[in-house]
Amino acid sequence: MSIYELDISWAMTVGERRHLHWELMACEEVKGVFLTARDDMLAILYGGERRGFDELARALTPESSGTAR
């Protein structure tokens, strides 16, 4: 397992943060989510490879899902 930082600067509203939380909890490779000293970053305990985490991070951003603000 590894710990990676996830940029969540795009998740500004309560709804976006709630949706992000549920998406992270639904991922089998995500073993833990932790707050950091920065409001725009989360620390993610991830059970897979770096490539899988990078794919997850891209999939979570609104730009990749076609719902860009």
PDB file of N, CA and C in Angstrom:
ATOM      1  N   MET A   1       0.835  -1.174   0.000  1.00  0.00           N
ATOM      2  CA  MET A   1       0.000   0.000   0.000  1.00  0.00           C
ATOM      3  C   MET A   1       0.876   1.231   0.000  1.00  0.00           C
ATOM      4  N   SER A   2       0.310   2.285  -0.589  1.00  0.00           N
ATOM      5  CA  SER A   2       1.021   3.553  -0.662  1.00  0.00           C
ATOM      6  C   SER A   2       0.081   4.688  -0.303  1.00  0.00           C
ATOM      7  N   ILE A   3       0.670   5.796   0.080  1.00  0.00           N
ATOM      8  CA  ILE A   3      -0.106   7.004   0.351  1.00  0.00           C
ATOM      9  C   ILE A   3       0.163   7.997  -0.769  1.00  0.00           C
ATOM     10  N   TYR A   4      -0.906   8.484  -1.376  1.00  0.00           N
ATOM     11  CA  TYR A   4      -0.812   9.466  -2.447  1.00  0.00           C
ATOM     12  C   TYR A   4      -1.631  10.690  -2.073  1.00  0.00           C
ATOM     13  N   GLU A   5      -1.235  11.835  -2.626  1.00  0.00           N
ATOM     14  CA  GLU A   5      -2.016  13.051  -2.439  1.00  0.00           C
ATOM     15  C   GLU A   5      -2.987  13.188  -3.600  1.00  0.00           C
ATOM     16  N   LEU A   6      -4.190  13.594  -3.282  1.00  0.00           N
ATOM     17  CA  LEU A   6      -5.212  13.817  -4.296  1.00  0.00           C
ATOM     18  C   LEU A   6      -5.623  15.278  -4.257  1.00  0.00           C
ATOM     19  N   ASP A   7      -5.431  15.971  -5.380  1.00  0.00           N
ATOM     20  CA  ASP A   7      -5.823  17.373  -5.503  1.00  0.00           C
ATOM     21  C   ASP A   7      -7.340  17.443  -5.629  1.00  0.00           C
ATOM     22  N   ILE A   8      -7.971  18.099  -4.667  1.00  0.00           N
ATOM     23  CA  ILE A   8      -9.433  18.237  -4.692  1.00  0.00           C
ATOM     24  C   ILE A   8      -9.835  19.702  -4.778  1.00  0.00           C
ATOM     25  N   SER A   9      -8.968  20.529  -5.359  1.00  0.00           N
ATOM     26  CA  SER A   9      -9.257  21.959  -5.453  1.00  0.00           C
ATOM     27  C   SER A   9     -10.507  22.229  -6.295  1.00  0.00           C
ATOM     28  N   TRP A  10     -10.865  21.313  -7.154  1.00  0.00           N
ATOM     29  CA  TRP A  10     -12.055  21.472  -7.989  1.00  0.00           C
ATOM     30  C   TRP A  10     -13.349  21.235  -7.203  1.00  0.00           C
ATOM     31  N   ALA A  11     -13.283  20.554  -6.079  1.00  0.00           N
ATOM     32  CA  ALA A  11     -14.479  20.215  -5.279  1.00  0.00           C
ATOM     33  C   ALA A  11     -14.743  21.347  -4.287  1.00  0.00           C
ATOM     34  N   MET A  12     -15.455  22.351  -4.732  1.00  0.00           N
ATOM     35  CA  MET A  12     -15.665  23.543  -3.919  1.00  0.00           C
ATOM     36  C   MET A  12     -16.964  23.506  -3.105  1.00  0.00           C
ATOM     37  N   THR A  13     -17.969  22.828  -3.612  1.00  0.00           N
ATOM     38  CA  THR A  13     -19.261  22.825  -2.926  1.00  0.00           C
ATOM     39  C   THR A  13     -19.395  21.598  -2.031  1.00  0.00           C
ATOM     40  N   VAL A  14     -20.320  21.672  -1.115  1.00  0.00           N
ATOM     41  CA  VAL A  14     -20.601  20.532  -0.237  1.00  0.00           C
ATOM     42  C   VAL A  14     -21.023  19.324  -1.068  1.00  0.00           C
ATOM     43  N   GLY A  15     -21.818  19.554  -2.089  1.00  0.00           N
ATOM     44  CA  GLY A  15     -22.275  18.462  -2.944  1.00  0.00           C
ATOM     45  C   GLY A  15     -21.131  17.785  -3.677  1.00  0.00           C
ATOM     46  N   GLU A  16     -20.185  18.577  -4.192  1.00  0.00           N
ATOM     47  CA  GLU A  16     -19.032  18.010  -4.882  1.00  0.00           C
ATOM     48  C   GLU A  16     -18.162  17.205  -3.922  1.00  0.00           C
ATOM     49  N   ARG A  17     -17.979  17.716  -2.723  1.00  0.00           N
ATOM     50  CA  ARG A  17     -17.175  16.995  -1.726  1.00  0.00           C
ATOM     51  C   ARG A  17     -17.864  15.692  -1.295  1.00  0.00           C
ATOM     52  N   ARG A  18     -19.181  15.737  -1.152  1.00  0.00           N
ATOM     53  CA  ARG A  18     -19.928  14.536  -0.774  1.00  0.00           C
ATOM     54  C   ARG A  18     -19.833  13.484  -1.882  1.00  0.00           C
ATOM     55  N   HIS A  19     -19.991  13.925  -3.124  1.00  0.00           N
ATOM     56  CA  HIS A  19     -19.885  13.014  -4.259  1.00  0.00           C
ATOM     57  C   HIS A  19     -18.479  12.396  -4.316  1.00  0.00           C
ATOM     58  N   LEU A  20     -17.456  13.210  -4.121  1.00  0.00           N
ATOM     59  CA  LEU A  20     -16.086  12.728  -4.106  1.00  0.00           C
ATOM     60  C   LEU A  20     -15.894  11.672  -3.007  1.00  0.00           C
ATOM     61  N   HIS A  21     -16.425  11.945  -1.828  1.00  0.00           N
ATOM     62  CA  HIS A  21     -16.330  10.993  -0.715  1.00  0.00           C
ATOM     63  C   HIS A  21     -16.923   9.641  -1.105  1.00  0.00           C
ATOM     64  N   TRP A  22     -18.118   9.655  -1.691  1.00  0.00           N
ATOM     65  CA  TRP A  22     -18.763   8.392  -2.061  1.00  0.00           C
ATOM     66  C   TRP A  22     -17.999   7.671  -3.167  1.00  0.00           C
ATOM     67  N   GLU A  23     -17.462   8.420  -4.124  1.00  0.00           N
ATOM     68  CA  GLU A  23     -16.670   7.798  -5.196  1.00  0.00           C
ATOM     69  C   GLU A  23     -15.417   7.130  -4.627  1.00  0.00           C
ATOM     70  N   LEU A  24     -14.753   7.791  -3.687  1.00  0.00           N
ATOM     71  CA  LEU A  24     -13.556   7.207  -3.080  1.00  0.00           C
ATOM     72  C   LEU A  24     -13.897   5.965  -2.272  1.00  0.00           C
ATOM     73  N   MET A  25     -14.975   6.007  -1.529  1.00  0.00           N
ATOM     74  CA  MET A  25     -15.370   4.862  -0.711  1.00  0.00           C
ATOM     75  C   MET A  25     -15.815   3.676  -1.571  1.00  0.00           C
ATOM     76  N   ALA A  26     -16.265   3.933  -2.780  1.00  0.00           N
ATOM     77  CA  ALA A  26     -16.713   2.867  -3.672  1.00  0.00           C
ATOM     78  C   ALA A  26     -15.547   2.138  -4.335  1.00  0.00           C
ATOM     79  N   CYS A  27     -14.369   2.748  -4.325  1.00  0.00           N
ATOM     80  CA  CYS A  27     -13.197   2.141  -4.959  1.00  0.00           C
ATOM     81  C   CYS A  27     -12.586   1.099  -4.023  1.00  0.00           C
ATOM     82  N   GLU A  28     -12.477  -0.132  -4.480  1.00  0.00           N
ATOM     83  CA  GLU A  28     -11.942  -1.217  -3.652  1.00  0.00           C
ATOM     84  C   GLU A  28     -10.490  -1.012  -3.263  1.00  0.00           C
ATOM     85  N   GLU A  29      -9.731  -0.303  -4.074  1.00  0.00           N
ATOM     86  CA  GLU A  29      -8.308  -0.083  -3.796  1.00  0.00           C
ATOM     87  C   GLU A  29      -8.063   1.008  -2.763  1.00  0.00           C
ATOM     88  N   VAL A  30      -9.060   1.864  -2.540  1.00  0.00           N
ATOM     89  CA  VAL A  30      -8.908   2.932  -1.551  1.00  0.00           C
ATOM     90  C   VAL A  30      -9.144   2.331  -0.166  1.00  0.00           C
ATOM     91  N   LYS A  31      -8.116   2.370   0.653  1.00  0.00           N
ATOM     92  CA  LYS A  31      -8.183   1.779   1.990  1.00  0.00           C
ATOM     93  C   LYS A  31      -8.397   2.818   3.077  1.00  0.00           C
ATOM     94  N   GLY A  32      -8.145   4.091   2.758  1.00  0.00           N
ATOM     95  CA  GLY A  32      -8.329   5.151   3.736  1.00  0.00           C
ATOM     96  C   GLY A  32      -8.215   6.509   3.076  1.00  0.00           C
ATOM     97  N   VAL A  33      -8.925   7.477   3.625  1.00  0.00           N
ATOM     98  CA  VAL A  33      -8.901   8.854   3.145  1.00  0.00           C
ATOM     99  C   VAL A  33      -8.668   9.744   4.355  1.00  0.00           C
ATOM    100  N   PHE A  34      -7.679  10.620   4.242  1.00  0.00           N
ATOM    101  CA  PHE A  34      -7.290  11.439   5.374  1.00  0.00           C
ATOM    102  C   PHE A  34      -7.175  12.906   4.976  1.00  0.00           C
ATOM    103  N   LEU A  35      -7.595  13.780   5.871  1.00  0.00           N
ATOM    104  CA  LEU A  35      -7.429  15.204   5.656  1.00  0.00           C
ATOM    105  C   LEU A  35      -5.956  15.562   5.794  1.00  0.00           C
ATOM    106  N   THR A  36      -5.542  16.595   5.114  1.00  0.00           N
ATOM    107  CA  THR A  36      -4.182  17.114   5.243  1.00  0.00           C
ATOM    108  C   THR A  36      -4.276  18.540   5.766  1.00  0.00           C
ATOM    109  N   ALA A  37      -3.145  19.161   5.956  1.00  0.00           N
ATOM    110  CA  ALA A  37      -3.114  20.550   6.413  1.00  0.00           C
ATOM    111  C   ALA A  37      -3.654  21.500   5.343  1.00  0.00           C
ATOM    112  N   ARG A  38      -3.698  21.042   4.118  1.00  0.00           N
ATOM    113  CA  ARG A  38      -4.204  21.863   3.010  1.00  0.00           C
ATOM    114  C   ARG A  38      -5.659  21.512   2.734  1.00  0.00           C
ATOM    115  N   ASP A  39      -6.472  22.517   2.526  1.00  0.00           N
ATOM    116  CA  ASP A  39      -7.888  22.292   2.234  1.00  0.00           C
ATOM    117  C   ASP A  39      -8.125  21.665   0.864  1.00  0.00           C
ATOM    118  N   ASP A  40      -7.160  21.814  -0.038  1.00  0.00           N
ATOM    119  CA  ASP A  40      -7.348  21.336  -1.404  1.00  0.00           C
ATOM    120  C   ASP A  40      -6.644  20.004  -1.684  1.00  0.00           C
ATOM    121  N   MET A  41      -6.231  19.305  -0.624  1.00  0.00           N
ATOM    122  CA  MET A  41      -5.552  18.013  -0.788  1.00  0.00           C
ATOM    123  C   MET A  41      -6.087  17.000   0.206  1.00  0.00           C
ATOM    124  N   LEU A  42      -6.172  15.756  -0.259  1.00  0.00           N
ATOM    125  CA  LEU A  42      -6.458  14.624   0.617  1.00  0.00           C
ATOM    126  C   LEU A  42      -5.300  13.651   0.510  1.00  0.00           C
ATOM    127  N   ALA A  43      -5.032  12.940   1.575  1.00  0.00           N
ATOM    128  CA  ALA A  43      -4.068  11.841   1.547  1.00  0.00           C
ATOM    129  C   ALA A  43      -4.876  10.557   1.398  1.00  0.00           C
ATOM    130  N   ILE A  44      -4.519   9.756   0.405  1.00  0.00           N
ATOM    131  CA  ILE A  44      -5.253   8.534   0.094  1.00  0.00           C
ATOM    132  C   ILE A  44      -4.356   7.331   0.320  1.00  0.00           C
ATOM    133  N   LEU A  45      -4.789   6.409   1.161  1.00  0.00           N
ATOM    134  CA  LEU A  45      -4.108   5.138   1.339  1.00  0.00           C
ATOM    135  C   LEU A  45      -4.655   4.216   0.257  1.00  0.00           C
ATOM    136  N   TYR A  46      -3.783   3.853  -0.686  1.00  0.00           N
ATOM    137  CA  TYR A  46      -4.216   3.151  -1.894  1.00  0.00           C
ATOM    138  C   TYR A  46      -3.516   1.807  -1.990  1.00  0.00           C
ATOM    139  N   GLY A  47      -4.284   0.767  -2.241  1.00  0.00           N
ATOM    140  CA  GLY A  47      -3.758  -0.588  -2.279  1.00  0.00           C
ATOM    141  C   GLY A  47      -3.259  -1.056  -3.620  1.00  0.00           C
ATOM    142  N   GLY A  48      -3.390  -0.252  -4.642  1.00  0.00           N
ATOM    143  CA  GLY A  48      -2.951  -0.654  -5.977  1.00  0.00           C
ATOM    144  C   GLY A  48      -1.673   0.050  -6.386  1.00  0.00           C
ATOM    145  N   GLU A  49      -1.380  -0.027  -7.679  1.00  0.00           N
ATOM    146  CA  GLU A  49      -0.192   0.594  -8.235  1.00  0.00           C
ATOM    147  C   GLU A  49      -0.429   2.077  -8.517  1.00  0.00           C
ATOM    148  N   ARG A  50       0.657   2.803  -8.680  1.00  0.00           N
ATOM    149  CA  ARG A  50       0.578   4.246  -8.953  1.00  0.00           C
ATOM    150  C   ARG A  50      -0.263   4.538 -10.193  1.00  0.00           C
ATOM    151  N   ARG A  51      -0.105   3.723 -11.201  1.00  0.00           N
ATOM    152  CA  ARG A  51      -0.865   3.925 -12.441  1.00  0.00           C
ATOM    153  C   ARG A  51      -2.373   3.866 -12.183  1.00  0.00           C
ATOM    154  N   GLY A  52      -2.790   2.921 -11.352  1.00  0.00           N
ATOM    155  CA  GLY A  52      -4.205   2.806 -11.011  1.00  0.00           C
ATOM    156  C   GLY A  52      -4.703   4.013 -10.241  1.00  0.00           C
ATOM    157  N   PHE A  53      -3.857   4.536  -9.346  1.00  0.00           N
ATOM    158  CA  PHE A  53      -4.249   5.737  -8.608  1.00  0.00           C
ATOM    159  C   PHE A  53      -4.373   6.932  -9.545  1.00  0.00           C
ATOM    160  N   ASP A  54      -3.431   7.067 -10.455  1.00  0.00           N
ATOM    161  CA  ASP A  54      -3.492   8.175 -11.419  1.00  0.00           C
ATOM    162  C   ASP A  54      -4.769   8.103 -12.259  1.00  0.00           C
ATOM    163  N   GLU A  55      -5.149   6.902 -12.659  1.00  0.00           N
ATOM    164  CA  GLU A  55      -6.389   6.721 -13.426  1.00  0.00           C
ATOM    165  C   GLU A  55      -7.604   7.093 -12.579  1.00  0.00           C
ATOM    166  N   LEU A  56      -7.604   6.688 -11.321  1.00  0.00           N
ATOM    167  CA  LEU A  56      -8.693   7.038 -10.412  1.00  0.00           C
ATOM    168  C   LEU A  56      -8.791   8.549 -10.250  1.00  0.00           C
ATOM    169  N   ALA A  57      -7.663   9.196 -10.025  1.00  0.00           N
ATOM    170  CA  ALA A  57      -7.647  10.651  -9.838  1.00  0.00           C
ATOM    171  C   ALA A  57      -8.197  11.360 -11.067  1.00  0.00           C
ATOM    172  N   ARG A  58      -7.822  10.899 -12.259  1.00  0.00           N
ATOM    173  CA  ARG A  58      -8.345  11.508 -13.491  1.00  0.00           C
ATOM    174  C   ARG A  58      -9.844  11.278 -13.621  1.00  0.00           C
ATOM    175  N   ALA A  59     -10.296  10.095 -13.261  1.00  0.00           N
ATOM    176  CA  ALA A  59     -11.721   9.768 -13.381  1.00  0.00           C
ATOM    177  C   ALA A  59     -12.578  10.594 -12.418  1.00  0.00           C
ATOM    178  N   LEU A  60     -12.004  11.026 -11.307  1.00  0.00           N
ATOM    179  CA  LEU A  60     -12.761  11.782 -10.306  1.00  0.00           C
ATOM    180  C   LEU A  60     -12.940  13.258 -10.658  1.00  0.00           C
ATOM    181  N   THR A  61     -12.085  13.794 -11.502  1.00  0.00           N
ATOM    182  CA  THR A  61     -12.163  15.215 -11.831  1.00  0.00           C
ATOM    183  C   THR A  61     -13.322  15.467 -12.790  1.00  0.00           C
ATOM    184  N   PRO A  62     -14.037  16.551 -12.595  1.00  0.00           N
ATOM    185  CA  PRO A  62     -15.182  16.856 -13.469  1.00  0.00           C
ATOM    186  C   PRO A  62     -14.804  16.994 -14.935  1.00  0.00           C
ATOM    187  N   GLU A  63     -13.609  17.476 -15.236  1.00  0.00           N
ATOM    188  CA  GLU A  63     -13.197  17.650 -16.621  1.00  0.00           C
ATOM    189  C   GLU A  63     -13.181  16.331 -17.384  1.00  0.00           C
ATOM    190  N   SER A  64     -12.798  15.251 -16.706  1.00  0.00           N
ATOM    191  CA  SER A  64     -12.720  13.957 -17.372  1.00  0.00           C
ATOM    192  C   SER A  64     -14.078  13.304 -17.561  1.00  0.00           C
ATOM    193  N   SER A  65     -15.045  13.714 -16.747  1.00  0.00           N
ATOM    194  CA  SER A  65     -16.368  13.092 -16.852  1.00  0.00           C
ATOM    195  C   SER A  65     -17.323  13.901 -17.702  1.00  0.00           C
ATOM    196  N   GLY A  66     -16.829  14.994 -18.282  1.00  0.00           N
ATOM    197  CA  GLY A  66     -17.676  15.804 -19.148  1.00  0.00           C
ATOM    198  C   GLY A  66     -18.580  16.766 -18.406  1.00  0.00           C
ATOM    199  N   THR A  67     -18.338  16.979 -17.124  1.00  0.00           N
ATOM    200  CA  THR A  67     -19.184  17.887 -16.359  1.00  0.00           C
ATOM    201  C   THR A  67     -18.386  19.067 -15.834  1.00  0.00           C
ATOM    202  N   ALA A  68     -17.481  19.547 -16.652  1.00  0.00           N
ATOM    203  CA  ALA A  68     -16.635  20.671 -16.218  1.00  0.00           C
ATOM    204  C   ALA A  68     -17.466  21.887 -15.919  1.00  0.00           C
ATOM    205  N   ARG A  69     -17.000  22.637 -14.921  1.00  0.00           N
ATOM    206  CA  ARG A  69     -17.710  23.853 -14.533  1.00  0.00           C
ATOM    207  C   ARG A  69     -17.455  24.945 -15.521  1.00  0.00           C
TER     208      ARG A  69
END
